[in-house]
N, C-alpha and C. Protein backbone atom coordinates (compact mmCIF):
# COMPACT_ATOMS: atom_id res chain seq x y z
N MET A 1 14.90 -9.75 -20.02
CA MET A 1 13.69 -10.17 -20.68
C MET A 1 12.53 -9.29 -20.21
N MET A 2 11.74 -8.81 -21.14
CA MET A 2 10.62 -7.93 -20.86
C MET A 2 9.42 -8.73 -20.35
N ILE A 3 8.78 -8.25 -19.32
CA ILE A 3 7.58 -8.89 -18.77
C ILE A 3 6.38 -8.34 -19.52
N THR A 4 5.51 -9.24 -19.98
CA THR A 4 4.32 -8.80 -20.71
C THR A 4 3.25 -8.33 -19.74
N ALA A 5 2.27 -7.59 -20.28
CA ALA A 5 1.15 -7.13 -19.46
C ALA A 5 0.37 -8.31 -18.88
N ASP A 6 0.23 -9.37 -19.68
CA ASP A 6 -0.49 -10.56 -19.18
C ASP A 6 0.25 -11.20 -18.01
N GLU A 7 1.57 -11.28 -18.09
CA GLU A 7 2.38 -11.85 -17.00
C GLU A 7 2.30 -10.97 -15.76
N MET A 8 2.34 -9.66 -15.96
CA MET A 8 2.26 -8.72 -14.85
C MET A 8 0.90 -8.82 -14.16
N LYS A 9 -0.16 -8.89 -14.96
CA LYS A 9 -1.50 -9.00 -14.37
C LYS A 9 -1.64 -10.31 -13.61
N LYS A 10 -1.09 -11.39 -14.14
CA LYS A 10 -1.15 -12.67 -13.46
C LYS A 10 -0.42 -12.60 -12.11
N THR A 11 0.71 -11.92 -12.08
CA THR A 11 1.45 -11.74 -10.82
C THR A 11 0.62 -10.94 -9.83
N MET A 12 -0.02 -9.87 -10.28
CA MET A 12 -0.85 -9.06 -9.39
C MET A 12 -2.04 -9.88 -8.88
N GLU A 13 -2.65 -10.67 -9.74
CA GLU A 13 -3.76 -11.52 -9.31
C GLU A 13 -3.30 -12.50 -8.24
N GLU A 14 -2.11 -13.05 -8.39
CA GLU A 14 -1.56 -13.97 -7.40
C GLU A 14 -1.34 -13.25 -6.06
N ILE A 15 -0.79 -12.06 -6.11
CA ILE A 15 -0.57 -11.27 -4.90
C ILE A 15 -1.90 -10.97 -4.21
N TYR A 16 -2.89 -10.53 -4.98
CA TYR A 16 -4.19 -10.22 -4.42
C TYR A 16 -4.80 -11.46 -3.77
N GLU A 17 -4.70 -12.59 -4.45
CA GLU A 17 -5.26 -13.84 -3.92
C GLU A 17 -4.57 -14.24 -2.62
N ARG A 18 -3.27 -14.11 -2.56
CA ARG A 18 -2.53 -14.45 -1.34
C ARG A 18 -2.95 -13.56 -0.18
N LEU A 19 -3.09 -12.27 -0.45
CA LEU A 19 -3.45 -11.34 0.62
C LEU A 19 -4.92 -11.42 1.00
N ASP A 20 -5.77 -11.95 0.11
CA ASP A 20 -7.18 -12.15 0.44
C ASP A 20 -7.37 -13.21 1.52
N LYS A 21 -6.40 -14.08 1.68
CA LYS A 21 -6.51 -15.20 2.61
C LYS A 21 -6.12 -14.83 4.04
N VAL A 22 -5.65 -13.61 4.24
CA VAL A 22 -5.20 -13.19 5.57
C VAL A 22 -5.83 -11.86 5.95
N SER A 23 -5.83 -11.59 7.23
CA SER A 23 -6.39 -10.34 7.74
C SER A 23 -5.53 -9.88 8.92
N PRO A 24 -5.39 -8.57 9.09
CA PRO A 24 -4.54 -8.08 10.19
C PRO A 24 -4.99 -8.57 11.56
N VAL A 25 -6.30 -8.65 11.77
CA VAL A 25 -6.85 -9.08 13.05
C VAL A 25 -8.04 -10.01 12.79
N ASP A 26 -8.53 -10.65 13.83
CA ASP A 26 -9.62 -11.62 13.69
C ASP A 26 -11.01 -10.98 13.71
N PHE A 27 -11.07 -9.69 13.59
CA PHE A 27 -12.35 -8.99 13.57
C PHE A 27 -12.25 -7.87 12.55
N ASP A 28 -13.35 -7.26 12.23
CA ASP A 28 -13.37 -6.14 11.28
C ASP A 28 -12.80 -4.91 11.98
N CYS A 29 -11.56 -4.58 11.65
CA CYS A 29 -10.91 -3.45 12.33
C CYS A 29 -11.63 -2.13 12.05
N GLY A 30 -12.42 -2.09 10.99
CA GLY A 30 -13.20 -0.88 10.70
C GLY A 30 -14.21 -0.56 11.79
N ASN A 31 -14.56 -1.56 12.60
CA ASN A 31 -15.47 -1.32 13.72
C ASN A 31 -14.80 -0.49 14.81
N LEU A 32 -13.48 -0.50 14.87
CA LEU A 32 -12.76 0.28 15.89
C LEU A 32 -12.78 1.78 15.59
N CYS A 33 -12.82 2.11 14.31
CA CYS A 33 -12.64 3.52 13.94
C CYS A 33 -13.72 4.04 12.99
N GLY A 34 -14.74 3.25 12.73
CA GLY A 34 -15.77 3.68 11.80
C GLY A 34 -15.27 3.69 10.36
N GLU A 35 -14.37 2.79 10.04
CA GLU A 35 -13.79 2.66 8.69
C GLU A 35 -13.16 3.97 8.21
N ILE A 36 -12.46 4.64 9.10
CA ILE A 36 -11.95 5.97 8.82
C ILE A 36 -11.02 6.02 7.61
N CYS A 37 -10.21 4.99 7.40
CA CYS A 37 -9.30 5.04 6.25
C CYS A 37 -10.05 4.90 4.94
N CYS A 38 -11.26 4.39 4.98
CA CYS A 38 -12.08 4.29 3.77
C CYS A 38 -13.00 5.49 3.61
N VAL A 39 -13.64 5.92 4.67
CA VAL A 39 -14.64 6.98 4.55
C VAL A 39 -14.07 8.37 4.68
N TYR A 40 -12.82 8.49 5.10
CA TYR A 40 -12.24 9.83 5.23
C TYR A 40 -12.39 10.61 3.94
N ASP A 41 -12.22 9.92 2.83
CA ASP A 41 -12.31 10.51 1.51
C ASP A 41 -13.59 11.32 1.33
N LYS A 42 -14.72 10.79 1.82
CA LYS A 42 -16.01 11.44 1.63
C LYS A 42 -16.16 12.70 2.47
N ASN A 43 -15.42 12.80 3.56
CA ASN A 43 -15.64 13.88 4.51
C ASN A 43 -14.62 15.01 4.41
N GLN A 44 -13.75 14.95 3.43
CA GLN A 44 -12.70 15.94 3.39
C GLN A 44 -12.89 16.96 2.28
N ASP A 45 -12.12 18.00 2.38
CA ASP A 45 -12.08 19.03 1.37
C ASP A 45 -11.58 18.41 0.06
N ALA A 46 -12.22 18.75 -1.04
CA ALA A 46 -11.86 18.15 -2.34
C ALA A 46 -10.41 18.40 -2.71
N THR A 47 -9.79 19.41 -2.13
CA THR A 47 -8.38 19.67 -2.46
C THR A 47 -7.44 18.69 -1.77
N GLU A 48 -7.96 17.89 -0.85
CA GLU A 48 -7.13 16.94 -0.11
C GLU A 48 -7.57 15.50 -0.33
N GLU A 49 -8.00 15.18 -1.52
CA GLU A 49 -8.49 13.82 -1.76
C GLU A 49 -7.42 12.79 -1.47
N LEU A 50 -7.85 11.73 -0.83
CA LEU A 50 -6.96 10.64 -0.48
C LEU A 50 -6.95 9.62 -1.61
N MET A 51 -5.80 9.49 -2.25
CA MET A 51 -5.64 8.52 -3.32
C MET A 51 -4.43 7.67 -3.00
N LEU A 52 -4.38 6.49 -3.56
CA LEU A 52 -3.27 5.58 -3.31
C LEU A 52 -2.51 5.32 -4.60
N TYR A 53 -1.20 5.36 -4.52
CA TYR A 53 -0.42 5.01 -5.70
C TYR A 53 -0.42 3.50 -5.84
N LEU A 54 -0.28 3.05 -7.05
CA LEU A 54 -0.27 1.63 -7.34
C LEU A 54 1.14 1.16 -7.65
N MET A 55 1.40 -0.08 -7.34
CA MET A 55 2.67 -0.68 -7.72
C MET A 55 2.72 -0.82 -9.24
N PRO A 56 3.90 -0.82 -9.82
CA PRO A 56 3.99 -0.99 -11.28
C PRO A 56 3.27 -2.27 -11.72
N GLY A 57 2.37 -2.12 -12.67
CA GLY A 57 1.58 -3.25 -13.17
C GLY A 57 0.26 -3.42 -12.46
N GLU A 58 0.11 -2.84 -11.28
CA GLU A 58 -1.13 -3.01 -10.52
C GLU A 58 -2.31 -2.31 -11.20
N GLU A 59 -2.04 -1.32 -12.01
CA GLU A 59 -3.11 -0.62 -12.72
C GLU A 59 -3.93 -1.56 -13.60
N LEU A 60 -3.34 -2.66 -14.01
CA LEU A 60 -4.03 -3.64 -14.85
C LEU A 60 -5.24 -4.25 -14.14
N MET A 61 -5.22 -4.23 -12.83
CA MET A 61 -6.33 -4.79 -12.04
C MET A 61 -7.56 -3.87 -12.07
N TYR A 62 -7.42 -2.63 -12.51
CA TYR A 62 -8.48 -1.63 -12.42
C TYR A 62 -9.06 -1.23 -13.76
N GLU A 63 -8.70 -1.95 -14.80
CA GLU A 63 -9.15 -1.57 -16.15
C GLU A 63 -10.66 -1.54 -16.30
N ASP A 64 -11.37 -2.45 -15.67
CA ASP A 64 -12.83 -2.54 -15.85
C ASP A 64 -13.59 -2.32 -14.55
N SER A 65 -13.01 -1.62 -13.60
CA SER A 65 -13.62 -1.46 -12.29
C SER A 65 -14.68 -0.37 -12.29
N ASP A 66 -15.81 -0.68 -11.64
CA ASP A 66 -16.85 0.32 -11.42
C ASP A 66 -16.70 0.98 -10.06
N TYR A 67 -15.81 0.46 -9.23
CA TYR A 67 -15.67 0.93 -7.85
C TYR A 67 -14.47 1.85 -7.63
N PHE A 68 -13.55 1.85 -8.56
CA PHE A 68 -12.34 2.65 -8.41
C PHE A 68 -12.11 3.48 -9.66
N GLU A 69 -11.64 4.70 -9.44
CA GLU A 69 -11.23 5.55 -10.56
C GLU A 69 -9.72 5.49 -10.65
N LEU A 70 -9.23 5.30 -11.85
CA LEU A 70 -7.80 5.20 -12.10
C LEU A 70 -7.33 6.52 -12.71
N TYR A 71 -6.29 7.08 -12.13
CA TYR A 71 -5.73 8.34 -12.61
C TYR A 71 -4.25 8.15 -12.93
N THR A 72 -3.74 9.01 -13.75
CA THR A 72 -2.30 9.01 -14.01
C THR A 72 -1.75 10.39 -13.71
N ILE A 73 -0.54 10.40 -13.21
CA ILE A 73 0.21 11.64 -13.03
C ILE A 73 1.62 11.37 -13.50
N GLY A 74 2.34 12.41 -13.81
CA GLY A 74 3.73 12.23 -14.21
C GLY A 74 4.58 11.92 -12.99
N ALA A 75 5.24 10.80 -13.02
CA ALA A 75 6.09 10.41 -11.88
C ALA A 75 7.23 11.40 -11.70
N ASN A 76 7.65 12.02 -12.79
CA ASN A 76 8.75 12.99 -12.68
C ASN A 76 8.29 14.27 -11.99
N ALA A 77 6.98 14.52 -11.98
CA ALA A 77 6.46 15.72 -11.31
C ALA A 77 6.16 15.45 -9.85
N SER A 78 6.28 14.20 -9.45
CA SER A 78 5.97 13.86 -8.07
C SER A 78 7.23 13.43 -7.35
N ASP A 79 7.04 12.93 -6.19
CA ASP A 79 8.15 12.60 -5.31
C ASP A 79 8.47 11.11 -5.36
N TYR A 80 8.92 10.65 -6.52
CA TYR A 80 9.22 9.24 -6.73
C TYR A 80 10.63 9.10 -7.30
N PRO A 81 11.22 7.93 -7.14
CA PRO A 81 12.58 7.72 -7.66
C PRO A 81 12.65 7.94 -9.17
N ASP A 82 13.83 8.27 -9.63
CA ASP A 82 14.04 8.57 -11.04
C ASP A 82 13.70 7.42 -11.97
N ASN A 83 13.83 6.18 -11.49
CA ASN A 83 13.59 5.06 -12.39
C ASN A 83 12.11 4.67 -12.51
N TRP A 84 11.20 5.40 -11.82
CA TRP A 84 9.79 5.16 -12.06
C TRP A 84 9.47 5.73 -13.44
N GLU A 85 8.60 5.06 -14.17
CA GLU A 85 8.27 5.47 -15.52
C GLU A 85 7.64 6.86 -15.52
N ASP A 86 7.44 7.38 -16.71
CA ASP A 86 6.86 8.72 -16.84
C ASP A 86 5.46 8.82 -16.26
N THR A 87 4.74 7.72 -16.23
CA THR A 87 3.37 7.73 -15.74
C THR A 87 3.27 6.95 -14.44
N LEU A 88 2.64 7.54 -13.48
CA LEU A 88 2.38 6.91 -12.19
C LEU A 88 0.87 6.74 -12.08
N PHE A 89 0.44 5.56 -11.70
CA PHE A 89 -0.99 5.30 -11.57
C PHE A 89 -1.40 5.43 -10.13
N ILE A 90 -2.52 6.13 -9.92
CA ILE A 90 -3.12 6.26 -8.60
C ILE A 90 -4.59 5.86 -8.73
N VAL A 91 -5.15 5.44 -7.62
CA VAL A 91 -6.52 4.96 -7.64
C VAL A 91 -7.29 5.58 -6.48
N LYS A 92 -8.59 5.77 -6.72
CA LYS A 92 -9.46 6.34 -5.70
C LYS A 92 -10.78 5.57 -5.72
N CYS A 93 -11.24 5.19 -4.55
CA CYS A 93 -12.53 4.51 -4.42
C CYS A 93 -13.64 5.50 -4.74
N THR A 94 -14.62 5.08 -5.53
CA THR A 94 -15.70 5.99 -5.94
C THR A 94 -16.82 6.11 -4.91
N ASP A 95 -16.95 5.12 -4.03
CA ASP A 95 -18.05 5.15 -3.06
C ASP A 95 -17.62 4.51 -1.74
N PRO A 96 -16.64 5.12 -1.08
CA PRO A 96 -16.14 4.51 0.15
C PRO A 96 -17.24 4.45 1.21
N PRO A 97 -17.30 3.42 2.03
CA PRO A 97 -16.42 2.26 2.09
C PRO A 97 -16.92 1.08 1.27
N ARG A 98 -17.84 1.30 0.35
CA ARG A 98 -18.41 0.20 -0.41
C ARG A 98 -17.62 -0.06 -1.69
N CYS A 99 -16.34 -0.25 -1.57
CA CYS A 99 -15.50 -0.57 -2.71
C CYS A 99 -15.42 -2.08 -2.88
N ASP A 100 -15.07 -2.49 -4.04
CA ASP A 100 -14.91 -3.91 -4.32
C ASP A 100 -13.63 -4.39 -3.63
N ARG A 101 -13.79 -5.08 -2.50
CA ARG A 101 -12.63 -5.52 -1.72
C ARG A 101 -11.73 -6.47 -2.49
N LYS A 102 -12.26 -7.13 -3.51
CA LYS A 102 -11.46 -8.07 -4.29
C LYS A 102 -10.36 -7.37 -5.08
N ILE A 103 -10.51 -6.07 -5.33
CA ILE A 103 -9.47 -5.37 -6.08
C ILE A 103 -8.92 -4.14 -5.35
N ARG A 104 -9.04 -4.15 -4.03
CA ARG A 104 -8.45 -3.02 -3.31
C ARG A 104 -6.92 -3.07 -3.47
N PRO A 105 -6.27 -1.92 -3.47
CA PRO A 105 -4.82 -1.85 -3.74
C PRO A 105 -3.97 -2.58 -2.70
N ILE A 106 -2.77 -2.92 -3.13
CA ILE A 106 -1.82 -3.60 -2.25
C ILE A 106 -1.62 -2.80 -0.97
N GLN A 107 -1.55 -1.47 -1.09
CA GLN A 107 -1.37 -0.65 0.12
C GLN A 107 -2.48 -0.87 1.13
N CYS A 108 -3.71 -1.03 0.65
CA CYS A 108 -4.84 -1.30 1.56
C CYS A 108 -4.72 -2.69 2.15
N ARG A 109 -4.33 -3.63 1.33
CA ARG A 109 -4.27 -5.02 1.74
C ARG A 109 -3.19 -5.28 2.79
N THR A 110 -2.13 -4.50 2.77
CA THR A 110 -1.02 -4.73 3.70
C THR A 110 -1.00 -3.72 4.86
N PHE A 111 -1.87 -2.72 4.83
CA PHE A 111 -1.95 -1.76 5.92
C PHE A 111 -2.38 -2.48 7.20
N PRO A 112 -1.82 -2.20 8.33
CA PRO A 112 -1.02 -1.03 8.71
C PRO A 112 0.49 -1.25 8.61
N LEU A 113 0.91 -2.22 7.82
CA LEU A 113 2.34 -2.47 7.68
C LEU A 113 2.86 -1.88 6.38
N ILE A 114 4.09 -1.43 6.44
CA ILE A 114 4.77 -0.95 5.24
C ILE A 114 6.17 -1.54 5.21
N PRO A 115 6.73 -1.66 4.01
CA PRO A 115 8.09 -2.18 3.90
C PRO A 115 9.10 -1.11 4.30
N HIS A 116 10.19 -1.55 4.89
CA HIS A 116 11.24 -0.63 5.32
C HIS A 116 12.59 -1.33 5.10
N ILE A 117 13.53 -0.60 4.55
CA ILE A 117 14.89 -1.11 4.35
C ILE A 117 15.79 -0.29 5.26
N SER A 118 16.41 -0.98 6.19
CA SER A 118 17.25 -0.31 7.19
C SER A 118 18.52 0.25 6.54
N SER A 119 19.21 1.09 7.27
CA SER A 119 20.48 1.64 6.78
C SER A 119 21.51 0.54 6.56
N GLU A 120 21.28 -0.62 7.18
CA GLU A 120 22.16 -1.79 6.97
C GLU A 120 21.67 -2.63 5.79
N ASP A 121 20.68 -2.13 5.04
CA ASP A 121 20.12 -2.78 3.87
C ASP A 121 19.35 -4.05 4.21
N LYS A 122 18.75 -4.09 5.39
CA LYS A 122 17.94 -5.23 5.81
C LYS A 122 16.47 -4.87 5.66
N PHE A 123 15.70 -5.77 5.07
CA PHE A 123 14.27 -5.55 4.85
C PHE A 123 13.47 -5.93 6.09
N HIS A 124 12.55 -5.05 6.47
CA HIS A 124 11.65 -5.25 7.61
C HIS A 124 10.25 -4.79 7.22
N LEU A 125 9.29 -5.20 8.00
CA LEU A 125 7.97 -4.60 7.98
C LEU A 125 7.86 -3.76 9.23
N VAL A 126 7.30 -2.56 9.09
CA VAL A 126 7.09 -1.68 10.23
C VAL A 126 5.66 -1.17 10.20
N PHE A 127 5.16 -0.73 11.36
CA PHE A 127 3.87 -0.07 11.41
C PHE A 127 3.95 1.22 10.62
N ASP A 128 2.93 1.49 9.82
CA ASP A 128 2.88 2.73 9.05
C ASP A 128 2.44 3.85 9.98
N GLU A 129 3.40 4.65 10.37
CA GLU A 129 3.12 5.77 11.27
C GLU A 129 3.24 7.09 10.54
N SER A 130 2.96 7.05 9.24
CA SER A 130 2.96 8.27 8.43
C SER A 130 1.91 9.22 8.97
N GLU A 131 2.06 10.48 8.62
CA GLU A 131 1.06 11.45 9.05
C GLU A 131 -0.16 11.35 8.14
N TYR A 132 -1.26 10.97 8.73
CA TYR A 132 -2.53 10.90 8.02
C TYR A 132 -3.49 11.85 8.71
N PRO A 133 -4.55 12.24 8.00
CA PRO A 133 -5.54 13.12 8.63
C PRO A 133 -6.49 12.34 9.54
N TYR A 134 -6.17 11.12 9.85
CA TYR A 134 -6.96 10.28 10.74
C TYR A 134 -6.00 9.39 11.52
N VAL A 135 -6.54 8.72 12.54
CA VAL A 135 -5.72 7.84 13.38
C VAL A 135 -6.23 6.41 13.22
N CYS A 136 -5.31 5.50 12.95
CA CYS A 136 -5.66 4.09 12.87
C CYS A 136 -5.44 3.46 14.23
N PRO A 137 -6.49 2.89 14.86
CA PRO A 137 -6.32 2.28 16.18
C PRO A 137 -5.31 1.13 16.18
N LEU A 138 -5.19 0.40 15.08
CA LEU A 138 -4.22 -0.69 15.03
C LEU A 138 -2.80 -0.16 15.22
N VAL A 139 -2.53 1.00 14.65
CA VAL A 139 -1.20 1.62 14.77
C VAL A 139 -1.06 2.31 16.11
N GLU A 140 -2.05 3.14 16.44
CA GLU A 140 -1.99 3.93 17.67
C GLU A 140 -1.84 3.06 18.91
N LYS A 141 -2.59 1.97 18.95
CA LYS A 141 -2.58 1.11 20.13
C LYS A 141 -1.63 -0.08 19.98
N LYS A 142 -0.94 -0.15 18.83
CA LYS A 142 0.01 -1.25 18.57
C LYS A 142 -0.67 -2.60 18.82
N ILE A 143 -1.85 -2.75 18.26
CA ILE A 143 -2.60 -3.99 18.42
C ILE A 143 -1.85 -5.12 17.73
N LYS A 144 -1.74 -6.24 18.42
CA LYS A 144 -1.03 -7.39 17.86
C LYS A 144 -1.73 -7.86 16.60
N LEU A 145 -0.95 -8.00 15.54
CA LEU A 145 -1.48 -8.45 14.25
C LEU A 145 -1.34 -9.96 14.13
N ASN A 146 -2.23 -10.55 13.37
CA ASN A 146 -2.18 -12.00 13.13
C ASN A 146 -0.85 -12.38 12.47
N ASP A 147 -0.27 -13.46 12.97
CA ASP A 147 1.01 -13.92 12.42
C ASP A 147 0.91 -14.27 10.94
N ASP A 148 -0.19 -14.90 10.52
CA ASP A 148 -0.31 -15.25 9.10
C ASP A 148 -0.36 -14.01 8.22
N PHE A 149 -1.01 -12.94 8.70
CA PHE A 149 -1.05 -11.68 7.98
C PHE A 149 0.36 -11.09 7.87
N VAL A 150 1.07 -11.04 8.98
CA VAL A 150 2.43 -10.48 8.98
C VAL A 150 3.32 -11.29 8.04
N ASN A 151 3.26 -12.60 8.14
CA ASN A 151 4.12 -13.45 7.31
C ASN A 151 3.80 -13.33 5.82
N GLU A 152 2.52 -13.32 5.48
CA GLU A 152 2.14 -13.21 4.06
C GLU A 152 2.47 -11.82 3.52
N THR A 153 2.25 -10.80 4.33
CA THR A 153 2.60 -9.44 3.91
C THR A 153 4.10 -9.33 3.68
N TYR A 154 4.88 -9.90 4.56
CA TYR A 154 6.33 -9.91 4.42
C TYR A 154 6.72 -10.61 3.11
N SER A 155 6.13 -11.76 2.87
CA SER A 155 6.44 -12.54 1.68
C SER A 155 6.09 -11.77 0.40
N VAL A 156 4.93 -11.14 0.39
CA VAL A 156 4.49 -10.39 -0.79
C VAL A 156 5.41 -9.19 -1.04
N TRP A 157 5.72 -8.43 0.03
CA TRP A 157 6.61 -7.28 -0.17
C TRP A 157 8.00 -7.72 -0.59
N LYS A 158 8.46 -8.83 -0.07
CA LYS A 158 9.76 -9.36 -0.49
C LYS A 158 9.74 -9.67 -1.99
N MET A 159 8.64 -10.23 -2.46
CA MET A 159 8.49 -10.50 -3.88
C MET A 159 8.44 -9.19 -4.68
N LEU A 160 7.67 -8.21 -4.19
CA LEU A 160 7.58 -6.93 -4.89
C LEU A 160 8.93 -6.21 -4.96
N LEU A 161 9.74 -6.39 -3.91
CA LEU A 161 11.05 -5.73 -3.87
C LEU A 161 12.03 -6.28 -4.91
N ASN A 162 11.69 -7.39 -5.54
CA ASN A 162 12.51 -7.90 -6.64
C ASN A 162 12.43 -7.00 -7.87
N ASN A 163 11.40 -6.18 -7.92
CA ASN A 163 11.27 -5.21 -9.00
C ASN A 163 12.12 -3.99 -8.61
N PRO A 164 13.12 -3.64 -9.40
CA PRO A 164 14.03 -2.54 -9.02
C PRO A 164 13.34 -1.21 -8.75
N VAL A 165 12.25 -0.92 -9.45
CA VAL A 165 11.58 0.36 -9.20
C VAL A 165 10.84 0.35 -7.86
N VAL A 166 10.29 -0.79 -7.48
CA VAL A 166 9.64 -0.90 -6.17
C VAL A 166 10.71 -0.81 -5.08
N TYR A 167 11.80 -1.52 -5.27
CA TYR A 167 12.90 -1.48 -4.30
C TYR A 167 13.38 -0.04 -4.09
N ASP A 168 13.58 0.68 -5.20
CA ASP A 168 14.07 2.06 -5.08
C ASP A 168 13.08 2.96 -4.35
N LEU A 169 11.79 2.75 -4.57
CA LEU A 169 10.78 3.56 -3.86
C LEU A 169 10.82 3.25 -2.37
N VAL A 170 10.84 1.98 -2.02
CA VAL A 170 10.88 1.59 -0.61
C VAL A 170 12.17 2.10 0.04
N LYS A 171 13.27 1.99 -0.66
CA LYS A 171 14.56 2.47 -0.14
C LYS A 171 14.50 3.98 0.10
N MET A 172 13.92 4.72 -0.87
CA MET A 172 13.81 6.17 -0.74
C MET A 172 12.92 6.54 0.46
N ASP A 173 11.77 5.89 0.59
CA ASP A 173 10.88 6.16 1.73
C ASP A 173 11.55 5.80 3.06
N SER A 174 12.27 4.70 3.07
CA SER A 174 12.97 4.27 4.28
C SER A 174 14.06 5.26 4.67
N ARG A 175 14.81 5.72 3.69
CA ARG A 175 15.87 6.71 3.95
C ARG A 175 15.27 7.98 4.56
N ARG A 176 14.11 8.39 4.05
CA ARG A 176 13.45 9.59 4.60
C ARG A 176 13.06 9.39 6.06
N ARG A 177 12.53 8.20 6.38
CA ARG A 177 12.19 7.92 7.78
C ARG A 177 13.46 7.97 8.63
N ASN A 178 14.53 7.39 8.14
CA ASN A 178 15.79 7.38 8.89
C ASN A 178 16.34 8.79 9.07
N GLU A 179 16.29 9.62 8.02
CA GLU A 179 16.80 10.99 8.10
C GLU A 179 15.99 11.84 9.06
N LYS A 180 14.68 11.62 9.08
CA LYS A 180 13.80 12.37 9.99
C LYS A 180 13.82 11.80 11.39
N LYS A 181 14.59 10.71 11.54
CA LYS A 181 14.68 10.01 12.82
C LYS A 181 13.30 9.61 13.34
N VAL A 182 12.48 9.15 12.39
CA VAL A 182 11.14 8.68 12.73
C VAL A 182 11.27 7.39 13.53
N GLU A 183 10.61 7.36 14.66
CA GLU A 183 10.58 6.13 15.46
C GLU A 183 9.62 5.17 14.79
N TYR A 184 10.02 3.96 14.62
CA TYR A 184 9.14 2.95 14.04
C TYR A 184 9.40 1.63 14.73
N GLU A 185 8.33 0.85 14.79
CA GLU A 185 8.43 -0.45 15.42
C GLU A 185 8.58 -1.52 14.35
N ILE A 186 9.63 -2.30 14.43
CA ILE A 186 9.83 -3.39 13.50
C ILE A 186 8.88 -4.52 13.89
N VAL A 187 8.04 -4.93 12.94
CA VAL A 187 7.08 -5.99 13.18
C VAL A 187 7.67 -7.32 12.73
N LYS A 188 8.39 -7.30 11.65
CA LYS A 188 9.06 -8.50 11.15
C LYS A 188 10.31 -8.11 10.38
C-alpha cells in the first residue's frame, strides 16, 4: 500500500513532536562550544557548505520555511543506497544559529547519536564520531546523555528503520564504520 504525502507529513510531525520533548542534556549544549554545529556554516569556505540530508518524506516539513533552504540532488550521483529515489533532499539553515528549532532536521534532533546496525544485525545507537570540521564536546568528552533523550531517540530511529530505504542507508553507513574499524561507543 502506497503512503500518501499527507500520511508521511503526519508521521514526520509526530516524530518532530516526540523529539521536541527531550534534550540530550539538561542545559544548552551550545554554550559548551559556541553553537559550533550551527554556526560553522557561516564561517566556512562556500565550497564546503554544511548541509543535512533529510529522511524520505521529511522534505514535506520544509515546504513553507523561511529559515531553511531545501535543495535536491540526484541520489544516484551521491553515496546512497540504490533503493533511494532519484531525488535526495538536503536542507541548509539560512541564518545559523537562528533557525526555527520547531522544524530542525531529524539529524539535528537526535545528534550526537546515530543509528548503527551491527554485523550481527542488531540495532544500536552510537555516538556520532564522524569526521566533522568541528568538535562536539558531548562526543569528545562522552558526556552522559539524558535517559529520556536516548530512549526517545532509539524509539524514533527504530520507527524510521521500518522504512526499507532508511534501513538500507543505516546498514550501509554501519557497514562502512565496521569496515574502517571505527571505534564507537554503544549508547543503547
